[in-house]
Structure formats: C-alpha cells, structure tokens
Protein backbone atom coordinates (compact mmCIF):
# COMPACT_ATOMS: atom_id res chain seq x y z
CA MET A 1 98.98 110.65 97.18
CA GLY A 2 98.39 113.07 100.07
CA VAL A 3 99.92 114.06 103.40
CA LEU A 4 101.25 111.29 105.63
CA VAL A 5 102.31 111.37 109.28
CA VAL A 6 104.71 108.60 110.31
CA THR A 7 105.29 108.40 114.05
CA GLY A 8 108.73 107.25 115.12
CA GLY A 9 109.91 108.08 111.63
CA SER A 10 113.49 109.07 112.37
CA ARG A 11 115.01 105.59 112.38
CA GLY A 12 114.51 101.91 111.69
CA ILE A 13 111.28 100.75 110.10
CA GLY A 14 109.76 104.22 110.49
CA ALA A 15 112.53 105.86 108.49
CA GLY A 16 112.19 103.21 105.80
CA ILE A 17 108.45 103.87 105.58
CA CYS A 18 109.01 107.64 105.31
CA ILE A 19 111.55 107.29 102.50
CA LEU A 20 109.54 104.80 100.45
CA ALA A 21 106.23 106.63 100.95
CA ALA A 22 107.83 109.85 99.70
CA LYS A 23 109.01 108.02 96.59
CA ARG A 24 105.41 106.88 96.07
CA GLY A 25 104.22 110.49 96.09
CA TRP A 26 103.29 111.20 99.70
CA SER A 27 104.29 114.43 101.43
CA VAL A 28 105.71 113.05 104.67
CA ALA A 29 105.84 114.34 108.23
CA VAL A 30 108.71 112.55 109.97
CA ASN A 31 107.83 112.43 113.66
CA TYR A 32 110.52 112.09 116.31
CA THR A 33 110.66 112.38 120.09
CA SER A 34 114.20 113.58 120.77
CA ASP A 35 116.61 112.79 117.92
CA GLU A 36 116.13 115.84 115.70
CA THR A 37 119.37 115.15 113.83
CA ALA A 38 118.17 111.70 112.72
CA ALA A 39 114.77 113.05 111.66
CA LYS A 40 116.34 115.83 109.63
CA ALA A 41 118.62 113.29 107.96
CA VAL A 42 115.53 111.37 106.79
CA VAL A 43 114.01 114.62 105.51
CA ALA A 44 117.24 115.46 103.67
CA GLU A 45 117.30 112.04 102.00
CA ILE A 46 113.70 112.47 100.86
CA GLU A 47 114.34 115.97 99.54
CA ALA A 48 117.48 114.81 97.70
CA GLU A 49 115.21 112.42 95.78
CA GLY A 50 112.80 115.22 94.91
CA GLY A 51 110.25 114.44 97.61
CA THR A 52 108.57 116.64 100.21
CA ALA A 53 109.05 116.12 103.93
CA ILE A 54 109.27 117.90 107.26
CA ALA A 55 110.50 116.81 110.70
CA VAL A 56 107.97 117.23 113.52
CA GLN A 57 108.73 116.71 117.19
CA ALA A 58 106.19 115.18 119.58
CA ASP A 59 106.03 112.61 122.34
CA VAL A 60 103.10 110.57 121.07
CA ALA A 61 102.10 109.65 124.63
CA ASP A 62 101.28 113.32 125.31
CA GLY A 63 97.96 114.44 123.83
CA LYS A 64 98.85 118.13 123.74
CA GLN A 65 102.08 117.43 121.88
CA VAL A 66 100.24 115.18 119.44
CA GLU A 67 97.68 117.86 118.63
CA ALA A 68 100.42 120.46 118.21
CA MET A 69 102.24 118.12 115.83
CA PHE A 70 99.18 117.61 113.65
CA ALA A 71 98.47 121.34 113.65
CA SER A 72 102.01 122.02 112.39
CA VAL A 73 101.55 119.43 109.65
CA ASP A 74 98.26 121.08 108.65
CA ARG A 75 100.10 124.38 108.36
CA ASP A 76 103.24 123.21 106.59
CA LEU A 77 102.03 120.35 104.37
CA GLY A 78 98.23 120.52 104.25
CA PRO A 79 95.38 118.30 105.40
CA VAL A 80 96.49 114.92 106.72
CA THR A 81 95.15 111.97 104.73
CA GLY A 82 97.37 109.19 106.07
CA LEU A 83 98.84 108.03 109.37
CA VAL A 84 101.28 105.26 110.21
CA ASN A 85 101.27 104.46 113.93
CA ASN A 86 104.84 103.21 114.05
CA ALA A 87 106.30 104.76 117.21
CA GLY A 88 107.10 102.11 119.77
CA THR A 89 109.56 101.03 122.41
CA ASN A 90 110.47 97.97 124.42
CA GLY A 91 109.46 97.63 128.05
CA SER A 92 111.05 95.32 130.58
CA THR A 93 113.49 92.61 129.62
CA GLY A 94 112.97 89.32 131.36
CA PRO A 95 110.14 87.36 132.97
CA VAL A 96 107.08 89.05 134.44
CA ASP A 97 108.18 88.46 138.04
CA GLU A 98 111.21 90.66 137.31
CA LEU A 99 109.22 93.39 135.58
CA ASP A 100 110.46 96.98 135.65
CA GLU A 101 107.21 98.79 136.43
CA ASP A 102 108.30 102.20 135.18
CA ALA A 103 109.66 100.83 131.90
CA THR A 104 106.52 98.82 131.27
CA ARG A 105 104.19 101.74 132.01
CA ARG A 106 106.16 104.01 129.68
CA MET A 107 106.08 101.36 126.96
CA PHE A 108 102.29 100.99 127.22
CA ASP A 109 101.92 104.79 127.10
CA ILE A 110 103.87 105.00 123.85
CA ASN A 111 102.82 101.81 122.10
CA ILE A 112 99.11 101.85 122.96
CA THR A 113 98.01 105.26 124.23
CA GLY A 114 100.19 106.99 121.65
CA SER A 115 98.50 105.07 118.83
CA PHE A 116 95.06 106.04 120.15
CA LEU A 117 96.01 109.71 120.49
CA CYS A 118 97.51 109.94 117.03
CA ALA A 119 94.59 108.10 115.45
CA GLY A 120 92.18 110.49 117.16
CA ALA A 121 94.03 113.53 115.83
CA ALA A 122 94.08 112.05 112.33
CA ILE A 123 90.39 111.13 112.43
CA ARG A 124 89.45 114.68 113.42
CA ARG A 125 91.02 115.75 110.15
CA MET A 126 90.03 112.88 107.85
CA ALA A 127 86.52 111.80 108.90
CA LYS A 128 83.56 112.91 106.82
CA ARG A 129 81.70 114.03 109.93
CA HIS A 130 84.54 116.48 110.59
CA GLY A 131 84.50 117.78 107.03
CA GLY A 132 87.34 115.56 105.84
CA ALA A 133 87.59 113.54 102.66
CA GLY A 134 88.59 110.25 104.30
CA GLY A 135 91.99 108.68 104.58
CA VAL A 136 93.97 105.68 105.73
CA ILE A 137 95.61 104.54 108.96
CA VAL A 138 98.19 101.76 109.18
CA ASN A 139 99.12 100.45 112.61
CA ILE A 140 102.42 98.65 113.17
CA SER A 141 102.09 95.55 115.33
CA SER A 142 104.62 92.75 115.76
CA ALA A 143 104.90 89.01 115.38
CA ALA A 144 105.29 89.12 119.17
CA ALA A 145 101.53 89.75 119.38
CA LYS A 146 101.10 86.13 118.32
CA HIS A 147 104.10 84.33 119.82
CA GLY A 148 103.84 86.25 123.11
CA GLY A 149 107.50 86.99 123.85
CA PRO A 150 107.73 84.56 126.80
CA GLY A 151 110.65 85.06 129.14
CA SER A 152 111.95 88.21 127.50
CA TYR A 153 109.42 90.82 126.32
CA ILE A 154 105.95 89.62 127.20
CA ASP A 155 104.80 93.14 128.07
CA TYR A 156 105.82 94.41 124.63
CA ALA A 157 104.00 91.47 123.04
CA ALA A 158 100.87 92.33 125.01
CA SER A 159 101.06 95.94 123.83
CA LYS A 160 101.19 94.80 120.22
CA ALA A 161 98.27 92.41 120.73
CA ALA A 162 96.35 95.49 121.89
CA ILE A 163 97.25 97.17 118.58
CA ASP A 164 95.78 94.22 116.70
CA ALA A 165 92.49 94.59 118.59
CA PHE A 166 92.60 98.37 118.12
CA THR A 167 92.90 97.82 114.36
CA TYR A 168 89.83 95.59 114.22
CA GLY A 169 87.65 97.95 116.25
CA LEU A 170 88.79 101.19 114.66
CA ALA A 171 88.33 99.81 111.14
CA ARG A 172 84.68 99.04 111.83
CA GLU A 173 84.14 102.29 113.70
CA GLN A 174 85.54 104.55 110.97
CA ALA A 175 84.56 102.77 107.73
CA ALA A 176 81.49 104.94 107.22
CA GLN A 177 83.69 108.01 107.66
CA GLY A 178 85.81 107.11 104.64
CA ILE A 179 88.76 105.92 106.71
CA ARG A 180 90.41 102.55 106.17
CA VAL A 181 92.40 101.07 109.06
CA ASN A 182 94.81 98.20 108.56
CA CYS A 183 97.83 96.73 110.29
CA VAL A 184 101.23 95.35 109.35
CA ARG A 185 102.75 92.79 111.70
CA PRO A 186 106.55 92.56 111.13
CA GLY A 187 108.83 89.87 112.45
CA ALA A 188 112.53 90.29 113.21
CA THR A 189 113.88 93.07 111.00
CA MET A 190 117.39 94.25 110.19
CA THR A 191 117.15 97.73 111.63
CA ALA A 192 120.35 99.50 112.64
CA MET A 193 119.49 98.81 116.29
CA ASN A 194 119.00 95.10 115.69
CA ILE A 195 122.15 94.84 113.59
CA LYS A 196 124.14 96.39 116.43
CA TRP A 197 122.55 93.96 118.90
CA MET A 198 123.40 90.99 116.69
CA GLU A 199 127.06 92.02 116.58
CA THR A 200 127.37 91.26 120.29
CA HIS A 201 124.62 88.63 120.50
CA PRO A 202 125.08 86.36 117.46
CA GLU A 203 122.88 83.74 119.09
CA TYR A 204 119.89 86.04 118.43
CA LEU A 205 120.37 85.75 114.68
CA ASP A 206 120.87 82.00 114.99
CA GLY A 207 117.57 81.78 116.86
CA ILE A 208 115.76 83.76 114.18
CA LYS A 209 117.13 81.56 111.42
CA ALA A 210 115.92 78.48 113.30
CA ALA A 211 112.46 79.87 114.06
CA VAL A 212 111.63 81.57 110.76
CA PRO A 213 110.75 79.33 107.78
CA LEU A 214 112.45 81.75 105.37
CA ALA A 215 115.52 81.43 107.62
CA ARG A 216 116.41 85.12 107.79
CA PRO A 217 115.23 88.42 109.24
CA ALA A 218 113.41 90.95 107.08
CA GLU A 219 115.09 93.94 105.48
CA VAL A 220 113.58 97.30 106.45
CA ASN A 221 112.41 97.94 102.90
CA GLU A 222 110.41 94.70 102.89
CA ILE A 223 108.34 96.01 105.80
CA ALA A 224 108.05 99.46 104.22
CA GLU A 225 106.74 97.91 101.00
CA ALA A 226 103.95 96.17 102.93
CA VAL A 227 103.02 99.41 104.70
CA CYS A 228 102.98 101.39 101.46
CA TYR A 229 100.71 98.77 99.93
CA MET A 230 98.27 99.22 102.79
CA LEU A 231 98.47 103.00 102.35
CA SER A 232 97.80 102.80 98.62
CA ASP A 233 94.66 102.47 96.53
CA ALA A 234 95.86 98.98 95.63
CA SER A 235 94.41 97.90 99.00
CA SER A 236 91.22 99.94 98.58
CA TYR A 237 88.94 97.07 99.64
CA SER A 238 90.98 96.17 102.72
CA THR A 239 90.06 97.45 106.14
CA GLY A 240 90.48 95.71 109.47
CA ALA A 241 93.16 93.51 107.88
CA ILE A 242 96.44 92.41 109.45
CA LEU A 243 99.28 91.57 107.09
CA ASP A 244 101.95 89.30 108.58
CA VAL A 245 105.40 90.11 107.21
CA SER A 246 107.42 87.72 109.33
CA GLY A 247 108.87 85.17 106.93
CA GLY A 248 106.36 82.61 108.19
CA TRP A 249 107.40 83.00 111.84
CA VAL A 250 103.77 83.45 112.80
CA CYS A 251 100.90 82.27 110.65
CA PRO A 252 97.13 82.52 111.08
C-alpha cells in the first residue's frame, strides 16, 4: 500500500489504526510524544503479525520535530504516501467561564496546529509539484464538532470543528496534486482511557447509551476500519468527505 504516518499512534484509536493498516499492507510509522514503551509495543504487535513498523517520536505542535520525524520515516521506511492526523488531547473541563487557559492553548496547538504541520510535511513529500506521486490524508475529527460539547469540553469540540473545515479546504487545495483528503468523525469509543474512566464514572456510559441510537460506544477497531477505508483505493473517488462513525449520535 505504501508508507503511512499515524500521529498519536501509541494508544487508543491511533494504535488501532496502526495495527489494522499494517495488516492491510501499509508500512507504518507509529508516532508518539512521550510514551516510547507504548509505541514500541504497537510496533512489536505489528511485527509479530509479519508487518513493518517503526516508532517515531515528535511533538506534533513543534514544526522542527515534525520535519525531523518525517525525515526519519523517509530514511527508514521510504517516501510517505499516507498520513493520519490522529494526535489529539482534551483541553479544559467545564464551562467556558472556568476555562484553563494554558490547557486550552496546548490543546489547540496539538489538535489544530499539529494537524496543519503534519499535513504540510506530508504534502511536501506527496504532491506532484514537489516530485511526489500523490497520496492520502485522513484527519480524525469527533462527533463533538457537531454536538459542541456544552458544559464540559466546548474548546475540544471547537478544535475538531476546525479539523472539519481544514479537511474541506485542504481537499480542494491538493486535489490537483494527486492528494486526497478525507475525515473520520468518531463518537464515543471504547479506548483503554475511556474504559478506565467508565469504571469510576458509570453514568458516562449510561449517558452514551441514551444519546446514541445504536445504544453503545464504538469499539476501536470499528473506527480503524473506517479510517483504513478512507486510506484505501476503495475510496478513490472520495475527497473532502467526512464519515460519521458515531452510532447515529450525530447525523448530517
């Protein structure tokens, strides 16, 4: 399939994407910020299944680190032909009048600026005008971009709405360069972090069951399947598309 960079690939949805993409034939660069052990565990799982993967450290909010990461992928795996902008974090918790300014700024740096920086590095390798052969970018948004996260994570929701707009614009900008840009918008998902949260906050799961027509959260692999579809030639005529994978929680 080619060489794929997955940001925030050491855990959760990112790890699921890395593992499934490797099974589909991608050589995968598993990006992480600080948890090298977790990233190497994902690499080991991929290699145990006969796939090819490396762990690459970079804070996606830092342009120099991003460029160094892509350069190391060029060297160790070959020319990048795919990118999943998955790295993300939560900001403040609570209403806007109680906002933690530092947490919100850091969240915007990672969720938005990081996606721009990584897309730029990928485009410099994939675009026809740079001598590339084209490629594909998949951005990870959130159902929060549509329901807004009122009272709890409205800043995070706003950051993901920005990713939706970024997807639309970048898809049109890069189409002539042979680059498709799409987006997957997950709802509540059973990542290890969310499972741990639900153990002490069972009301969260009850709320999801009440709000989601399919009456359950997603499994990580269900999100990874949607991302791998968008990465594949099966979606060759899709660009600028957003695929909701939220069990009906948000609908167009």
